[in-house]
């Protein structure tokens, strides 16, 4: 998804017009339209204004290229520094973690709730892919997979649509109120 498509998705989730988003962000509504169409890309300061107006983290507009073990570990270490999480697993007789059993557990119910919903969505996808033979044709199967992928992407967007504070040592909920 492009940045413009993500802006449009969250704007539609909020049920506000391009002009209203523009007013909330202090940006002209026609500029929002250009961002959504992809004819212009917002500069970081504009994107931050849009994220704040939509009540989402600017990170939802960022695509991370995670290709190496270093990329994954860097993100995990950053998360460990800032949120309450636990990395654990089964241990062998010497007390060492068994590599195949390592897991990450978050100590925040909002994160766990969203992860459980994401896991359910992933299971739907797996079940669909496993049922390929039940479809009358290859085309019907591909149409269903395309629809499922779109649905899963929408679910993911809704799951990240939260501004609940989860930083270590901080509790509470940040709420953005949108004018009607």
N, C-alpha and C. Protein backbone atom coordinates (compact mmCIF):
# COMPACT_ATOMS: atom_id res chain seq x y z
N UNK A 1 0.85 -1.18 0.00
CA UNK A 1 0.00 0.00 0.00
C UNK A 1 0.89 1.24 0.00
N UNK A 2 0.55 2.21 -0.83
CA UNK A 2 1.31 3.46 -0.87
C UNK A 2 0.92 4.33 0.32
N UNK A 3 1.71 5.36 0.57
CA UNK A 3 1.40 6.30 1.65
C UNK A 3 0.04 6.93 1.39
N UNK A 4 -0.21 7.32 0.15
CA UNK A 4 -1.50 7.93 -0.20
C UNK A 4 -2.67 7.00 0.06
N UNK A 5 -2.50 5.72 -0.28
CA UNK A 5 -3.57 4.74 -0.03
C UNK A 5 -3.79 4.55 1.46
N UNK A 6 -2.71 4.60 2.23
CA UNK A 6 -2.85 4.47 3.69
C UNK A 6 -3.57 5.69 4.27
N UNK A 7 -3.24 6.87 3.79
CA UNK A 7 -3.93 8.08 4.24
C UNK A 7 -5.42 7.94 3.97
N UNK A 8 -5.76 7.54 2.75
CA UNK A 8 -7.17 7.38 2.37
C UNK A 8 -7.86 6.32 3.23
N UNK A 9 -7.19 5.21 3.48
CA UNK A 9 -7.77 4.15 4.30
C UNK A 9 -8.12 4.66 5.69
N UNK A 10 -7.17 5.31 6.35
CA UNK A 10 -7.43 5.80 7.71
C UNK A 10 -8.43 6.95 7.71
N UNK A 11 -8.42 7.77 6.67
CA UNK A 11 -9.42 8.83 6.57
C UNK A 11 -10.81 8.22 6.45
N UNK A 12 -10.94 7.18 5.61
CA UNK A 12 -12.23 6.51 5.45
C UNK A 12 -12.66 5.80 6.73
N UNK A 13 -11.72 5.20 7.44
CA UNK A 13 -12.04 4.57 8.73
C UNK A 13 -12.63 5.62 9.68
N UNK A 14 -12.07 6.83 9.63
CA UNK A 14 -12.56 7.91 10.49
C UNK A 14 -13.88 8.50 9.99
N UNK A 15 -14.19 8.24 8.72
CA UNK A 15 -15.43 8.77 8.16
C UNK A 15 -15.38 10.27 7.92
N UNK A 16 -14.21 10.76 7.55
CA UNK A 16 -14.08 12.20 7.31
C UNK A 16 -13.68 12.44 5.85
N UNK A 17 -13.98 13.63 5.38
CA UNK A 17 -13.67 13.99 4.00
C UNK A 17 -12.21 14.44 3.89
N UNK A 18 -11.76 14.57 2.65
CA UNK A 18 -10.41 15.09 2.42
C UNK A 18 -10.29 16.51 2.96
N UNK A 19 -11.34 17.30 2.76
CA UNK A 19 -11.31 18.68 3.27
C UNK A 19 -11.24 18.72 4.79
N UNK A 20 -12.01 17.83 5.45
CA UNK A 20 -11.99 17.80 6.91
C UNK A 20 -10.62 17.38 7.41
N UNK A 21 -10.03 16.36 6.77
CA UNK A 21 -8.68 15.95 7.16
C UNK A 21 -7.71 17.11 6.97
N UNK A 22 -7.87 17.81 5.86
CA UNK A 22 -7.02 18.98 5.61
C UNK A 22 -7.14 20.01 6.72
N UNK A 23 -8.37 20.29 7.14
CA UNK A 23 -8.59 21.26 8.22
C UNK A 23 -7.95 20.78 9.52
N UNK A 24 -8.16 19.50 9.83
CA UNK A 24 -7.60 18.95 11.07
C UNK A 24 -6.07 18.97 11.06
N UNK A 25 -5.48 18.77 9.87
CA UNK A 25 -4.03 18.71 9.75
C UNK A 25 -3.40 20.06 9.44
N UNK A 26 -4.23 21.05 9.10
CA UNK A 26 -3.69 22.36 8.72
C UNK A 26 -3.08 22.33 7.33
N UNK A 27 -3.66 21.49 6.47
CA UNK A 27 -3.19 21.32 5.10
C UNK A 27 -4.40 21.50 4.18
N UNK A 28 -4.19 22.08 3.02
CA UNK A 28 -5.28 22.26 2.07
C UNK A 28 -5.86 20.90 1.65
N UNK A 29 -7.18 20.83 1.55
CA UNK A 29 -7.86 19.59 1.17
C UNK A 29 -7.45 19.08 -0.20
N UNK A 30 -7.13 19.98 -1.11
CA UNK A 30 -6.68 19.53 -2.45
C UNK A 30 -5.31 18.87 -2.37
N UNK A 31 -4.51 19.29 -1.41
CA UNK A 31 -3.21 18.65 -1.21
C UNK A 31 -3.41 17.23 -0.69
N UNK A 32 -4.35 17.05 0.23
CA UNK A 32 -4.68 15.70 0.72
C UNK A 32 -5.09 14.83 -0.45
N UNK A 33 -5.92 15.38 -1.34
CA UNK A 33 -6.37 14.62 -2.52
C UNK A 33 -5.17 14.19 -3.36
N UNK A 34 -4.23 15.09 -3.58
CA UNK A 34 -3.05 14.77 -4.38
C UNK A 34 -2.21 13.69 -3.71
N UNK A 35 -2.11 13.74 -2.38
CA UNK A 35 -1.38 12.69 -1.66
C UNK A 35 -2.06 11.34 -1.86
N UNK A 36 -3.38 11.33 -1.71
CA UNK A 36 -4.13 10.08 -1.84
C UNK A 36 -4.05 9.51 -3.25
N UNK A 37 -4.03 10.37 -4.25
CA UNK A 37 -3.94 9.92 -5.64
C UNK A 37 -2.51 9.52 -6.03
N UNK A 38 -1.54 9.90 -5.20
CA UNK A 38 -0.16 9.56 -5.49
C UNK A 38 0.54 10.53 -6.43
N UNK A 39 -0.12 11.64 -6.75
CA UNK A 39 0.52 12.62 -7.63
C UNK A 39 1.54 13.47 -6.86
N UNK A 40 1.43 13.47 -5.54
CA UNK A 40 2.41 14.14 -4.67
C UNK A 40 2.64 13.25 -3.46
N UNK A 41 3.84 13.34 -2.90
CA UNK A 41 4.15 12.63 -1.67
C UNK A 41 4.36 13.63 -0.54
N UNK A 42 3.75 13.37 0.61
CA UNK A 42 3.92 14.32 1.71
C UNK A 42 5.34 14.31 2.26
N UNK A 43 5.81 15.49 2.61
CA UNK A 43 7.09 15.60 3.30
C UNK A 43 6.88 15.11 4.74
N UNK A 44 7.95 14.76 5.43
CA UNK A 44 7.80 14.22 6.78
C UNK A 44 6.98 15.09 7.73
N UNK A 45 7.15 16.42 7.66
CA UNK A 45 6.39 17.29 8.56
C UNK A 45 4.89 17.27 8.22
N UNK A 46 4.57 17.18 6.93
CA UNK A 46 3.16 17.09 6.52
C UNK A 46 2.57 15.75 6.93
N UNK A 47 3.34 14.69 6.78
CA UNK A 47 2.88 13.36 7.15
C UNK A 47 2.61 13.27 8.65
N UNK A 48 3.45 13.92 9.43
CA UNK A 48 3.25 13.95 10.88
C UNK A 48 1.95 14.68 11.23
N UNK A 49 1.67 15.78 10.54
CA UNK A 49 0.42 16.51 10.77
C UNK A 49 -0.79 15.64 10.42
N UNK A 50 -0.68 14.90 9.33
CA UNK A 50 -1.78 14.02 8.91
C UNK A 50 -1.97 12.89 9.92
N UNK A 51 -0.86 12.28 10.34
CA UNK A 51 -0.94 11.21 11.34
C UNK A 51 -1.60 11.71 12.62
N UNK A 52 -1.18 12.89 13.08
CA UNK A 52 -1.78 13.46 14.29
C UNK A 52 -3.26 13.74 14.11
N UNK A 53 -3.62 14.26 12.95
CA UNK A 53 -5.03 14.56 12.68
C UNK A 53 -5.87 13.28 12.64
N UNK A 54 -5.28 12.21 12.14
CA UNK A 54 -5.99 10.93 12.08
C UNK A 54 -5.92 10.16 13.40
N UNK A 55 -5.08 10.62 14.32
CA UNK A 55 -4.96 9.95 15.61
C UNK A 55 -4.22 8.63 15.52
N UNK A 56 -3.26 8.54 14.58
CA UNK A 56 -2.47 7.32 14.44
C UNK A 56 -0.99 7.67 14.51
N UNK A 57 -0.17 6.67 14.74
CA UNK A 57 1.27 6.85 14.75
C UNK A 57 1.75 7.08 13.32
N UNK A 58 2.74 7.92 13.18
CA UNK A 58 3.32 8.15 11.85
C UNK A 58 3.92 6.85 11.31
N UNK A 59 4.22 5.93 12.20
CA UNK A 59 4.81 4.64 11.79
C UNK A 59 3.88 3.84 10.89
N UNK A 60 2.56 4.05 10.96
CA UNK A 60 1.66 3.28 10.10
C UNK A 60 1.86 3.63 8.63
N UNK A 61 2.49 4.76 8.35
CA UNK A 61 2.72 5.18 6.98
C UNK A 61 4.10 4.74 6.48
N UNK A 62 4.90 4.18 7.36
CA UNK A 62 6.26 3.80 7.03
C UNK A 62 6.33 2.33 6.66
N UNK A 63 7.02 2.04 5.59
CA UNK A 63 7.27 0.65 5.22
C UNK A 63 8.69 0.30 5.62
N UNK A 64 8.81 -0.76 6.39
CA UNK A 64 10.12 -1.21 6.81
C UNK A 64 10.57 -2.33 5.89
N UNK A 65 11.77 -2.24 5.39
CA UNK A 65 12.35 -3.34 4.63
C UNK A 65 13.13 -4.19 5.62
N UNK A 66 12.52 -5.28 6.03
CA UNK A 66 13.15 -6.18 6.98
C UNK A 66 13.67 -7.37 6.18
N UNK A 67 14.98 -7.40 5.99
CA UNK A 67 15.58 -8.42 5.14
C UNK A 67 16.61 -9.28 5.86
N UNK A 68 17.21 -8.74 6.89
CA UNK A 68 18.29 -9.46 7.55
C UNK A 68 17.95 -9.75 9.01
N UNK A 69 18.70 -10.67 9.59
CA UNK A 69 18.53 -10.95 11.02
C UNK A 69 18.81 -9.68 11.82
N UNK A 70 19.75 -8.87 11.37
CA UNK A 70 20.07 -7.61 12.04
C UNK A 70 18.86 -6.68 12.06
N UNK A 71 18.12 -6.61 10.93
CA UNK A 71 16.91 -5.78 10.87
C UNK A 71 15.89 -6.23 11.91
N UNK A 72 15.66 -7.53 11.99
CA UNK A 72 14.68 -8.08 12.94
C UNK A 72 15.13 -7.81 14.37
N UNK A 73 16.39 -8.10 14.66
CA UNK A 73 16.90 -7.92 16.03
C UNK A 73 16.89 -6.46 16.44
N UNK A 74 17.22 -5.57 15.52
CA UNK A 74 17.18 -4.14 15.85
C UNK A 74 15.78 -3.71 16.28
N UNK A 75 14.77 -4.16 15.53
CA UNK A 75 13.39 -3.83 15.91
C UNK A 75 13.01 -4.46 17.25
N UNK A 76 13.38 -5.71 17.45
CA UNK A 76 13.06 -6.37 18.72
C UNK A 76 13.73 -5.69 19.91
N UNK A 77 14.99 -5.32 19.76
CA UNK A 77 15.71 -4.65 20.85
C UNK A 77 15.09 -3.29 21.16
N UNK A 78 14.68 -2.58 20.12
CA UNK A 78 14.03 -1.29 20.31
C UNK A 78 12.70 -1.47 21.05
N UNK A 79 11.94 -2.49 20.63
CA UNK A 79 10.68 -2.78 21.30
C UNK A 79 10.93 -3.15 22.76
N UNK A 80 11.94 -3.96 23.02
CA UNK A 80 12.25 -4.38 24.38
C UNK A 80 12.62 -3.19 25.25
N UNK A 81 13.30 -2.21 24.67
CA UNK A 81 13.67 -1.00 25.42
C UNK A 81 12.45 -0.19 25.82
N UNK A 82 11.41 -0.21 24.98
CA UNK A 82 10.32 0.74 25.16
C UNK A 82 9.00 0.16 25.66
N UNK A 83 8.77 -1.12 25.47
CA UNK A 83 7.51 -1.70 25.93
C UNK A 83 7.77 -2.93 26.79
N UNK A 84 6.77 -3.29 27.57
CA UNK A 84 6.88 -4.47 28.41
C UNK A 84 6.63 -5.72 27.58
N UNK A 85 7.69 -6.48 27.38
CA UNK A 85 7.59 -7.73 26.64
C UNK A 85 8.55 -8.73 27.26
N UNK A 86 8.31 -9.97 26.97
CA UNK A 86 9.15 -11.04 27.52
C UNK A 86 9.54 -11.96 26.37
N UNK A 87 10.80 -12.32 26.33
CA UNK A 87 11.29 -13.31 25.37
C UNK A 87 11.66 -14.54 26.17
N UNK A 88 11.05 -15.67 25.84
CA UNK A 88 11.25 -16.87 26.63
C UNK A 88 11.05 -18.10 25.75
N UNK A 89 11.04 -19.25 26.35
CA UNK A 89 10.83 -20.50 25.65
C UNK A 89 11.13 -21.67 26.55
N UNK A 90 11.01 -22.86 26.01
CA UNK A 90 11.34 -24.06 26.77
C UNK A 90 12.85 -24.12 26.96
N UNK A 91 13.25 -24.75 28.07
CA UNK A 91 14.68 -24.84 28.37
C UNK A 91 15.13 -26.30 28.39
N UNK A 92 16.37 -26.49 28.00
CA UNK A 92 16.94 -27.84 28.08
C UNK A 92 17.39 -28.11 29.51
N UNK A 93 18.02 -29.27 29.74
CA UNK A 93 18.41 -29.65 31.10
C UNK A 93 19.46 -28.74 31.70
N UNK A 94 20.18 -27.96 30.88
CA UNK A 94 21.18 -27.02 31.39
C UNK A 94 20.60 -25.62 31.60
N UNK A 95 19.30 -25.44 31.32
CA UNK A 95 18.66 -24.15 31.50
C UNK A 95 18.76 -23.23 30.30
N UNK A 96 19.27 -23.73 29.20
CA UNK A 96 19.39 -22.93 27.97
C UNK A 96 18.10 -23.01 27.18
N UNK A 97 17.73 -21.90 26.55
CA UNK A 97 16.53 -21.89 25.71
C UNK A 97 16.71 -22.82 24.52
N UNK A 98 15.66 -23.58 24.22
CA UNK A 98 15.65 -24.43 23.04
C UNK A 98 15.22 -23.55 21.87
N UNK A 99 16.08 -23.41 20.88
CA UNK A 99 15.88 -22.45 19.80
C UNK A 99 14.50 -22.52 19.16
N UNK A 100 14.01 -23.73 18.90
CA UNK A 100 12.74 -23.90 18.19
C UNK A 100 11.53 -23.49 19.03
N UNK A 101 11.72 -23.20 20.31
CA UNK A 101 10.58 -22.90 21.19
C UNK A 101 10.55 -21.45 21.65
N UNK A 102 11.45 -20.61 21.15
CA UNK A 102 11.51 -19.21 21.60
C UNK A 102 10.26 -18.47 21.15
N UNK A 103 9.71 -17.67 22.05
CA UNK A 103 8.53 -16.88 21.75
C UNK A 103 8.65 -15.51 22.39
N UNK A 104 7.81 -14.60 21.93
CA UNK A 104 7.73 -13.26 22.48
C UNK A 104 6.34 -13.09 23.07
N UNK A 105 6.27 -12.59 24.27
CA UNK A 105 4.99 -12.34 24.94
C UNK A 105 4.95 -10.87 25.34
N UNK A 106 3.84 -10.23 25.03
CA UNK A 106 3.67 -8.83 25.41
C UNK A 106 2.85 -8.76 26.68
N UNK A 107 3.13 -7.79 27.50
CA UNK A 107 2.46 -7.67 28.79
C UNK A 107 1.39 -6.57 28.76
N UNK A 108 0.82 -6.37 27.59
CA UNK A 108 -0.23 -5.36 27.46
C UNK A 108 -1.44 -5.99 26.77
N UNK A 109 -2.61 -5.95 27.42
CA UNK A 109 -3.79 -6.61 26.86
C UNK A 109 -4.21 -6.08 25.49
N UNK A 110 -4.01 -4.80 25.22
CA UNK A 110 -4.42 -4.26 23.92
C UNK A 110 -3.58 -4.85 22.80
N UNK A 111 -2.29 -5.01 23.04
CA UNK A 111 -1.42 -5.61 22.03
C UNK A 111 -1.80 -7.07 21.85
N UNK A 112 -1.97 -7.78 22.96
CA UNK A 112 -2.31 -9.21 22.89
C UNK A 112 -3.64 -9.43 22.20
N UNK A 113 -4.62 -8.58 22.47
CA UNK A 113 -5.92 -8.70 21.82
C UNK A 113 -5.79 -8.55 20.31
N UNK A 114 -5.04 -7.57 19.89
CA UNK A 114 -4.87 -7.33 18.45
C UNK A 114 -4.04 -8.45 17.80
N UNK A 115 -3.05 -8.95 18.52
CA UNK A 115 -2.27 -10.06 17.98
C UNK A 115 -3.12 -11.32 17.85
N UNK A 116 -4.02 -11.55 18.80
CA UNK A 116 -4.92 -12.71 18.71
C UNK A 116 -5.81 -12.59 17.48
N UNK A 117 -6.33 -11.40 17.22
CA UNK A 117 -7.16 -11.19 16.03
C UNK A 117 -6.34 -11.36 14.76
N UNK A 118 -5.10 -10.89 14.77
CA UNK A 118 -4.23 -11.06 13.61
C UNK A 118 -3.95 -12.55 13.38
N UNK A 119 -3.69 -13.28 14.46
CA UNK A 119 -3.43 -14.72 14.33
C UNK A 119 -4.64 -15.43 13.74
N UNK A 120 -5.84 -15.02 14.14
CA UNK A 120 -7.06 -15.61 13.59
C UNK A 120 -7.16 -15.32 12.09
N UNK A 121 -6.82 -14.12 11.70
CA UNK A 121 -6.83 -13.73 10.29
C UNK A 121 -5.83 -14.57 9.49
N UNK A 122 -4.64 -14.75 10.05
CA UNK A 122 -3.63 -15.57 9.38
C UNK A 122 -4.12 -17.01 9.22
N UNK A 123 -4.83 -17.51 10.22
CA UNK A 123 -5.36 -18.88 10.15
C UNK A 123 -6.39 -18.99 9.03
N UNK A 124 -7.24 -17.97 8.88
CA UNK A 124 -8.21 -17.95 7.77
C UNK A 124 -7.47 -18.07 6.44
N UNK A 125 -6.40 -17.30 6.29
CA UNK A 125 -5.62 -17.34 5.05
C UNK A 125 -5.05 -18.74 4.82
N UNK A 126 -4.46 -19.32 5.86
CA UNK A 126 -3.88 -20.66 5.74
C UNK A 126 -4.95 -21.69 5.35
N UNK A 127 -6.12 -21.60 5.99
CA UNK A 127 -7.21 -22.54 5.68
C UNK A 127 -7.68 -22.39 4.23
N UNK A 128 -7.75 -21.16 3.77
CA UNK A 128 -8.15 -20.93 2.38
C UNK A 128 -7.14 -21.56 1.42
N UNK A 129 -5.86 -21.31 1.67
CA UNK A 129 -4.83 -21.86 0.79
C UNK A 129 -4.83 -23.40 0.81
N UNK A 130 -5.14 -23.96 1.96
CA UNK A 130 -5.17 -25.42 2.09
C UNK A 130 -6.39 -26.04 1.40
N UNK A 131 -7.41 -25.22 1.12
CA UNK A 131 -8.64 -25.75 0.53
C UNK A 131 -8.72 -25.51 -0.98
N UNK A 132 -7.60 -25.33 -1.60
CA UNK A 132 -7.55 -25.04 -3.04
C UNK A 132 -8.33 -26.06 -3.87
N UNK A 133 -8.25 -27.32 -3.51
CA UNK A 133 -8.92 -28.38 -4.28
C UNK A 133 -10.44 -28.31 -4.19
N UNK A 134 -10.96 -27.58 -3.22
CA UNK A 134 -12.42 -27.49 -3.05
C UNK A 134 -13.05 -26.49 -4.02
N UNK A 135 -12.24 -25.71 -4.73
CA UNK A 135 -12.77 -24.71 -5.63
C UNK A 135 -13.02 -25.32 -7.01
N UNK A 136 -14.07 -24.84 -7.68
CA UNK A 136 -14.42 -25.41 -8.98
C UNK A 136 -13.40 -25.12 -10.09
N UNK A 137 -12.63 -24.04 -9.90
CA UNK A 137 -11.64 -23.70 -10.92
C UNK A 137 -10.48 -22.94 -10.28
N UNK A 138 -9.39 -22.89 -11.02
CA UNK A 138 -8.22 -22.13 -10.59
C UNK A 138 -8.57 -20.65 -10.48
N UNK A 139 -9.37 -20.17 -11.41
CA UNK A 139 -9.79 -18.76 -11.41
C UNK A 139 -10.61 -18.43 -10.16
N UNK A 140 -11.54 -19.30 -9.81
CA UNK A 140 -12.37 -19.08 -8.61
C UNK A 140 -11.49 -19.05 -7.36
N UNK A 141 -10.51 -19.94 -7.32
CA UNK A 141 -9.59 -19.97 -6.17
C UNK A 141 -8.81 -18.67 -6.09
N UNK A 142 -8.26 -18.20 -7.22
CA UNK A 142 -7.47 -16.96 -7.23
C UNK A 142 -8.32 -15.75 -6.87
N UNK A 143 -9.58 -15.74 -7.31
CA UNK A 143 -10.48 -14.63 -6.93
C UNK A 143 -10.68 -14.62 -5.41
N UNK A 144 -10.88 -15.79 -4.84
CA UNK A 144 -11.09 -15.89 -3.39
C UNK A 144 -9.83 -15.48 -2.63
N UNK A 145 -8.67 -15.89 -3.13
CA UNK A 145 -7.41 -15.51 -2.48
C UNK A 145 -7.21 -14.00 -2.55
N UNK A 146 -7.51 -13.40 -3.70
CA UNK A 146 -7.39 -11.94 -3.83
C UNK A 146 -8.32 -11.23 -2.85
N UNK A 147 -9.56 -11.70 -2.76
CA UNK A 147 -10.52 -11.09 -1.83
C UNK A 147 -10.05 -11.27 -0.39
N UNK A 148 -9.54 -12.46 -0.06
CA UNK A 148 -9.06 -12.72 1.29
C UNK A 148 -7.88 -11.82 1.63
N UNK A 149 -6.97 -11.64 0.69
CA UNK A 149 -5.82 -10.77 0.92
C UNK A 149 -6.26 -9.32 1.17
N UNK A 150 -7.23 -8.85 0.41
CA UNK A 150 -7.75 -7.50 0.62
C UNK A 150 -8.42 -7.38 1.98
N UNK A 151 -9.19 -8.37 2.36
CA UNK A 151 -9.86 -8.38 3.67
C UNK A 151 -8.82 -8.39 4.79
N UNK A 152 -7.80 -9.21 4.64
CA UNK A 152 -6.75 -9.28 5.66
C UNK A 152 -6.01 -7.95 5.79
N UNK A 153 -5.77 -7.30 4.68
CA UNK A 153 -5.11 -5.99 4.73
C UNK A 153 -5.99 -4.98 5.45
N UNK A 154 -7.29 -5.00 5.20
CA UNK A 154 -8.21 -4.11 5.91
C UNK A 154 -8.22 -4.41 7.41
N UNK A 155 -8.21 -5.69 7.76
CA UNK A 155 -8.18 -6.07 9.17
C UNK A 155 -6.90 -5.56 9.82
N UNK A 156 -5.77 -5.72 9.14
CA UNK A 156 -4.51 -5.23 9.70
C UNK A 156 -4.56 -3.72 9.92
N UNK A 157 -5.13 -2.99 8.95
CA UNK A 157 -5.22 -1.53 9.10
C UNK A 157 -6.08 -1.17 10.32
N UNK A 158 -7.17 -1.91 10.53
CA UNK A 158 -8.01 -1.64 11.70
C UNK A 158 -7.28 -2.01 12.99
N UNK A 159 -6.47 -3.05 12.96
CA UNK A 159 -5.76 -3.47 14.17
C UNK A 159 -4.70 -2.46 14.58
N UNK A 160 -4.04 -1.82 13.62
CA UNK A 160 -3.03 -0.82 13.99
C UNK A 160 -3.67 0.53 14.27
N UNK A 161 -4.95 0.65 14.06
CA UNK A 161 -5.67 1.90 14.28
C UNK A 161 -5.98 2.06 15.77
N UNK A 162 -4.95 2.34 16.52
CA UNK A 162 -5.11 2.55 17.95
C UNK A 162 -4.06 3.54 18.43
N UNK A 163 -4.40 4.31 19.41
CA UNK A 163 -3.42 5.21 20.00
C UNK A 163 -3.31 4.96 21.50
N UNK A 164 -3.51 3.72 21.89
CA UNK A 164 -3.33 3.33 23.28
C UNK A 164 -1.83 3.35 23.59
N UNK A 165 -1.48 4.01 24.67
CA UNK A 165 -0.08 4.14 25.06
C UNK A 165 0.39 2.83 25.70
N UNK A 166 1.47 2.26 25.19
CA UNK A 166 1.99 1.01 25.73
C UNK A 166 3.45 1.13 26.18
N UNK A 167 4.00 2.32 26.17
CA UNK A 167 5.39 2.52 26.54
C UNK A 167 5.61 2.14 28.00
N UNK A 168 6.77 1.56 28.30
CA UNK A 168 7.10 1.18 29.67
C UNK A 168 6.93 2.36 30.60
N UNK A 169 6.32 2.10 31.74
CA UNK A 169 6.16 3.13 32.76
C UNK A 169 5.07 4.13 32.47
N UNK A 170 4.31 3.94 31.41
CA UNK A 170 3.23 4.87 31.06
C UNK A 170 1.94 4.09 30.96
N UNK A 171 0.90 4.64 31.52
CA UNK A 171 -0.40 3.99 31.35
C UNK A 171 -1.40 5.06 30.96
N UNK A 172 -2.48 4.62 30.36
CA UNK A 172 -3.52 5.56 29.93
C UNK A 172 -3.78 5.41 28.46
N UNK A 173 -4.76 6.16 28.02
CA UNK A 173 -5.17 6.09 26.63
C UNK A 173 -5.16 7.49 26.06
N UNK A 174 -4.55 7.66 24.91
CA UNK A 174 -4.59 8.93 24.19
C UNK A 174 -5.75 8.87 23.23
N UNK A 175 -6.60 9.89 23.24
CA UNK A 175 -7.79 9.87 22.41
C UNK A 175 -7.82 11.12 21.55
N UNK A 176 -8.15 10.94 20.30
CA UNK A 176 -8.31 12.05 19.36
C UNK A 176 -9.79 12.16 19.06
N UNK A 177 -10.39 13.33 19.25
CA UNK A 177 -11.81 13.54 18.98
C UNK A 177 -11.94 14.28 17.66
N UNK A 178 -12.78 13.75 16.79
CA UNK A 178 -12.98 14.35 15.48
C UNK A 178 -14.26 15.14 15.45
N UNK A 179 -14.23 16.37 14.91
CA UNK A 179 -15.45 17.16 14.80
C UNK A 179 -16.43 16.49 13.83
N UNK A 180 -17.69 16.67 14.10
CA UNK A 180 -18.72 16.07 13.22
C UNK A 180 -19.04 17.03 12.10
